[in-house]
C-alpha atoms as a PDB file:
ATOM      1  CA  MET A   1      94.313 -22.265  55.400  1.00  0.00           C
ATOM      2  CA  LYS A   2      93.177 -24.317  52.573  1.00  0.00           C
ATOM      3  CA  LYS A   3      95.642 -26.577  50.604  1.00  0.00           C
ATOM      4  CA  SER A   4      94.286 -25.255  47.402  1.00  0.00           C
ATOM      5  CA  TYR A   5      91.991 -22.505  45.863  1.00  0.00           C
ATOM      6  CA  LYS A   6      89.977 -25.478  44.584  1.00  0.00           C
ATOM      7  CA  ASP A   7      89.177 -26.296  48.244  1.00  0.00           C
ATOM      8  CA  LEU A   8      87.535 -23.049  48.776  1.00  0.00           C
ATOM      9  CA  GLU A   9      83.360 -22.760  48.473  1.00  0.00           C
ATOM     10  CA  VAL A  10      83.818 -19.416  47.119  1.00  0.00           C
ATOM     11  CA  TYR A  11      85.854 -20.407  44.226  1.00  0.00           C
ATOM     12  CA  LYS A  12      83.676 -23.296  43.389  1.00  0.00           C
ATOM     13  CA  ARG A  13      80.514 -20.895  43.457  1.00  0.00           C
ATOM     14  CA  SER A  14      82.378 -18.128  41.419  1.00  0.00           C
ATOM     15  CA  TYR A  15      83.550 -20.461  38.788  1.00  0.00           C
ATOM     16  CA  VAL A  16      80.115 -22.003  38.348  1.00  0.00           C
ATOM     17  CA  LEU A  17      78.694 -18.379  38.101  1.00  0.00           C
ATOM     18  CA  ALA A  18      81.285 -17.446  35.646  1.00  0.00           C
ATOM     19  CA  LEU A  19      80.405 -20.363  33.440  1.00  0.00           C
ATOM     20  CA  ARG A  20      76.616 -18.936  33.902  1.00  0.00           C
ATOM     21  CA  VAL A  21      77.520 -15.534  32.934  1.00  0.00           C
ATOM     22  CA  HIS A  22      79.613 -16.661  29.891  1.00  0.00           C
ATOM     23  CA  LYS A  23      76.567 -18.725  28.517  1.00  0.00           C
ATOM     24  CA  LEU A  24      74.230 -16.111  29.226  1.00  0.00           C
ATOM     25  CA  SER A  25      76.509 -13.345  27.564  1.00  0.00           C
ATOM     26  CA  LEU A  26      76.801 -15.303  24.282  1.00  0.00           C
ATOM     27  CA  GLU A  27      72.973 -14.693  23.795  1.00  0.00           C
ATOM     28  CA  LEU A  28      73.252 -11.192  24.263  1.00  0.00           C
ATOM     29  CA  PRO A  29      72.682  -9.317  20.725  1.00  0.00           C
ATOM     30  CA  LYS A  30      75.864  -9.154  18.320  1.00  0.00           C
ATOM     31  CA  GLU A  31      76.150  -5.427  18.496  1.00  0.00           C
ATOM     32  CA  ILE A  32      77.124  -5.603  22.295  1.00  0.00           C
ATOM     33  CA  GLN A  33      79.280  -8.768  21.996  1.00  0.00           C
ATOM     34  CA  PHE A  34      82.394  -6.647  21.908  1.00  0.00           C
ATOM     35  CA  ASP A  35      81.322  -4.264  24.862  1.00  0.00           C
ATOM     36  CA  LEU A  36      79.060  -4.941  27.455  1.00  0.00           C
ATOM     37  CA  ALA A  37      79.079  -8.755  26.807  1.00  0.00           C
ATOM     38  CA  ASP A  38      82.775  -8.965  26.838  1.00  0.00           C
ATOM     39  CA  GLN A  39      83.195  -6.924  30.055  1.00  0.00           C
ATOM     40  CA  ILE A  40      80.800  -9.023  32.042  1.00  0.00           C
ATOM     41  CA  ARG A  41      82.524 -12.045  30.647  1.00  0.00           C
ATOM     42  CA  ARG A  42      85.957 -10.865  31.824  1.00  0.00           C
ATOM     43  CA  SER A  43      84.652  -9.427  35.289  1.00  0.00           C
ATOM     44  CA  SER A  44      82.843 -12.800  35.915  1.00  0.00           C
ATOM     45  CA  ARG A  45      86.092 -14.831  35.253  1.00  0.00           C
ATOM     46  CA  SER A  46      88.129 -12.499  37.203  1.00  0.00           C
ATOM     47  CA  ILE A  47      86.841 -13.483  40.436  1.00  0.00           C
ATOM     48  CA  PRO A  48      87.815 -17.290  40.136  1.00  0.00           C
ATOM     49  CA  ALA A  49      91.029 -16.214  38.259  1.00  0.00           C
ATOM     50  CA  ASN A  50      92.351 -14.011  41.194  1.00  0.00           C
ATOM     51  CA  ILE A  51      91.478 -16.342  43.923  1.00  0.00           C
ATOM     52  CA  ALA A  52      93.443 -19.119  41.836  1.00  0.00           C
ATOM     53  CA  GLU A  53      96.394 -16.404  41.257  1.00  0.00           C
ATOM     54  CA  GLY A  54      96.565 -15.581  44.872  1.00  0.00           C
ATOM     55  CA  TYR A  55      96.572 -19.092  45.974  1.00  0.00           C
ATOM     56  CA  GLY A  56      98.725 -20.171  43.221  1.00  0.00           C
ATOM     57  CA  ARG A  57     101.511 -17.580  44.267  1.00  0.00           C
ATOM     58  CA  ASN A  58     101.695 -19.446  47.663  1.00  0.00           C
ATOM     59  CA  LYS A  59     103.865 -16.548  49.264  1.00  0.00           C
ATOM     60  CA  SER A  60     101.779 -15.171  52.222  1.00  0.00           C
ATOM     61  CA  SER A  61      98.232 -14.491  53.477  1.00  0.00           C
ATOM     62  CA  LYS A  62      98.847 -10.642  52.741  1.00  0.00           C
ATOM     63  CA  ASP A  63      99.600 -11.602  48.888  1.00  0.00           C
ATOM     64  CA  ILE A  64      96.572 -13.835  48.568  1.00  0.00           C
ATOM     65  CA  LEU A  65      94.644 -11.083  50.423  1.00  0.00           C
ATOM     66  CA  ASN A  66      95.447  -8.615  47.647  1.00  0.00           C
ATOM     67  CA  PHE A  67      93.992 -10.789  45.051  1.00  0.00           C
ATOM     68  CA  VAL A  68      91.039 -11.789  46.993  1.00  0.00           C
ATOM     69  CA  ARG A  69      90.219  -7.913  47.314  1.00  0.00           C
ATOM     70  CA  THR A  70      90.414  -7.715  43.741  1.00  0.00           C
ATOM     71  CA  ALA A  71      88.086 -10.587  43.324  1.00  0.00           C
ATOM     72  CA  LEU A  72      85.397  -8.858  45.395  1.00  0.00           C
ATOM     73  CA  GLY A  73      85.959  -5.599  43.324  1.00  0.00           C
ATOM     74  CA  SER A  74      85.198  -7.821  40.244  1.00  0.00           C
ATOM     75  CA  ASN A  75      82.204  -9.211  41.968  1.00  0.00           C
ATOM     76  CA  ASP A  76      80.801  -5.768  42.516  1.00  0.00           C
ATOM     77  CA  GLU A  77      81.472  -5.280  38.749  1.00  0.00           C
ATOM     78  CA  VAL A  78      79.395  -8.203  37.652  1.00  0.00           C
ATOM     79  CA  LEU A  79      76.720  -7.204  40.032  1.00  0.00           C
ATOM     80  CA  PHE A  80      76.475  -3.752  38.251  1.00  0.00           C
ATOM     81  CA  ASN A  81      76.664  -5.200  34.673  1.00  0.00           C
ATOM     82  CA  LEU A  82      73.924  -7.449  35.649  1.00  0.00           C
ATOM     83  CA  GLU A  83      71.698  -4.601  37.031  1.00  0.00           C
ATOM     84  CA  PHE A  84      72.462  -2.597  33.922  1.00  0.00           C
ATOM     85  CA  LEU A  85      71.416  -5.528  31.365  1.00  0.00           C
ATOM     86  CA  LYS A  86      68.319  -5.759  33.252  1.00  0.00           C
ATOM     87  CA  ASP A  87      67.478  -2.129  33.125  1.00  0.00           C
ATOM     88  CA  VAL A  88      68.084  -2.238  29.282  1.00  0.00           C
ATOM     89  CA  ASP A  89      65.829  -4.986  28.867  1.00  0.00           C
ATOM     90  CA  LEU A  90      68.463  -7.383  27.958  1.00  0.00           C
ATOM     91  CA  LEU A  91      68.245  -9.564  30.913  1.00  0.00           C
ATOM     92  CA  LYS A  92      65.017 -11.005  32.289  1.00  0.00           C
ATOM     93  CA  GLN A  93      64.048  -9.927  36.129  1.00  0.00           C
ATOM     94  CA  VAL A  94      64.059 -13.858  37.164  1.00  0.00           C
ATOM     95  CA  GLU A  95      67.488 -14.482  35.620  1.00  0.00           C
ATOM     96  CA  TYR A  96      68.681 -11.147  37.171  1.00  0.00           C
ATOM     97  CA  GLU A  97      67.438 -12.137  40.570  1.00  0.00           C
ATOM     98  CA  SER A  98      69.011 -15.588  40.302  1.00  0.00           C
ATOM     99  CA  LEU A  99      72.417 -14.468  39.294  1.00  0.00           C
ATOM    100  CA  ARG A 100      72.226 -11.393  41.800  1.00  0.00           C
ATOM    101  CA  ASN A 101      71.422 -13.613  44.755  1.00  0.00           C
ATOM    102  CA  GLU A 102      74.432 -15.821  44.061  1.00  0.00           C
ATOM    103  CA  TYR A 103      76.841 -12.958  43.579  1.00  0.00           C
ATOM    104  CA  ILE A 104      75.659 -11.365  46.880  1.00  0.00           C
ATOM    105  CA  VAL A 105      76.479 -14.869  48.427  1.00  0.00           C
ATOM    106  CA  CYS A 106      79.734 -14.949  46.516  1.00  0.00           C
ATOM    107  CA  GLY A 107      80.589 -11.314  47.709  1.00  0.00           C
ATOM    108  CA  LYS A 108      79.881 -12.295  51.349  1.00  0.00           C
ATOM    109  CA  GLN A 109      81.968 -15.328  50.977  1.00  0.00           C
ATOM    110  CA  LEU A 110      84.937 -13.157  49.797  1.00  0.00           C
ATOM    111  CA  THR A 111      84.339 -10.654  52.654  1.00  0.00           C
ATOM    112  CA  GLN A 112      84.682 -13.562  55.085  1.00  0.00           C
ATOM    113  CA  LEU A 113      87.725 -14.722  53.466  1.00  0.00           C
ATOM    114  CA  ILE A 114      89.215 -11.235  53.570  1.00  0.00           C
ATOM    115  CA  LYS A 115      88.300 -11.081  57.305  1.00  0.00           C
ATOM    116  CA  TYR A 116      90.015 -14.574  57.758  1.00  0.00           C
ATOM    117  CA  LEU A 117      93.177 -13.677  55.828  1.00  0.00           C
ATOM    118  CA  THR A 118      93.386 -10.262  57.610  1.00  0.00           C
ATOM    119  CA  SER A 119      93.080 -11.962  61.203  1.00  0.00           C
ATOM    120  CA  ASN A 120      95.877 -14.371  60.483  1.00  0.00           C
END
């Protein structure tokens, strides 16, 4: 197991993605800043935050596992919100595809981490 959550590729990827989503969300119309924009910011930040919290507790693989599973759920939530933004014409197709592809990879990395934690 890695010594720190910061050593995990999935943490690094999800953190960079959270920054991208944050910047993107600030460009959305003012009327959705307290709703959809806020929601996608929170769910994108939840992924690296849950990884950090799970590793920070440093109790057991089972404890970390619960937080990583929550991170995976947040990853799916971001994917939903990205698709929704695209479908209501608030996100360009090219930006959607770029973020979607990165979050799919992030989801696969989280799934692999879950498998690793489950087997140990």
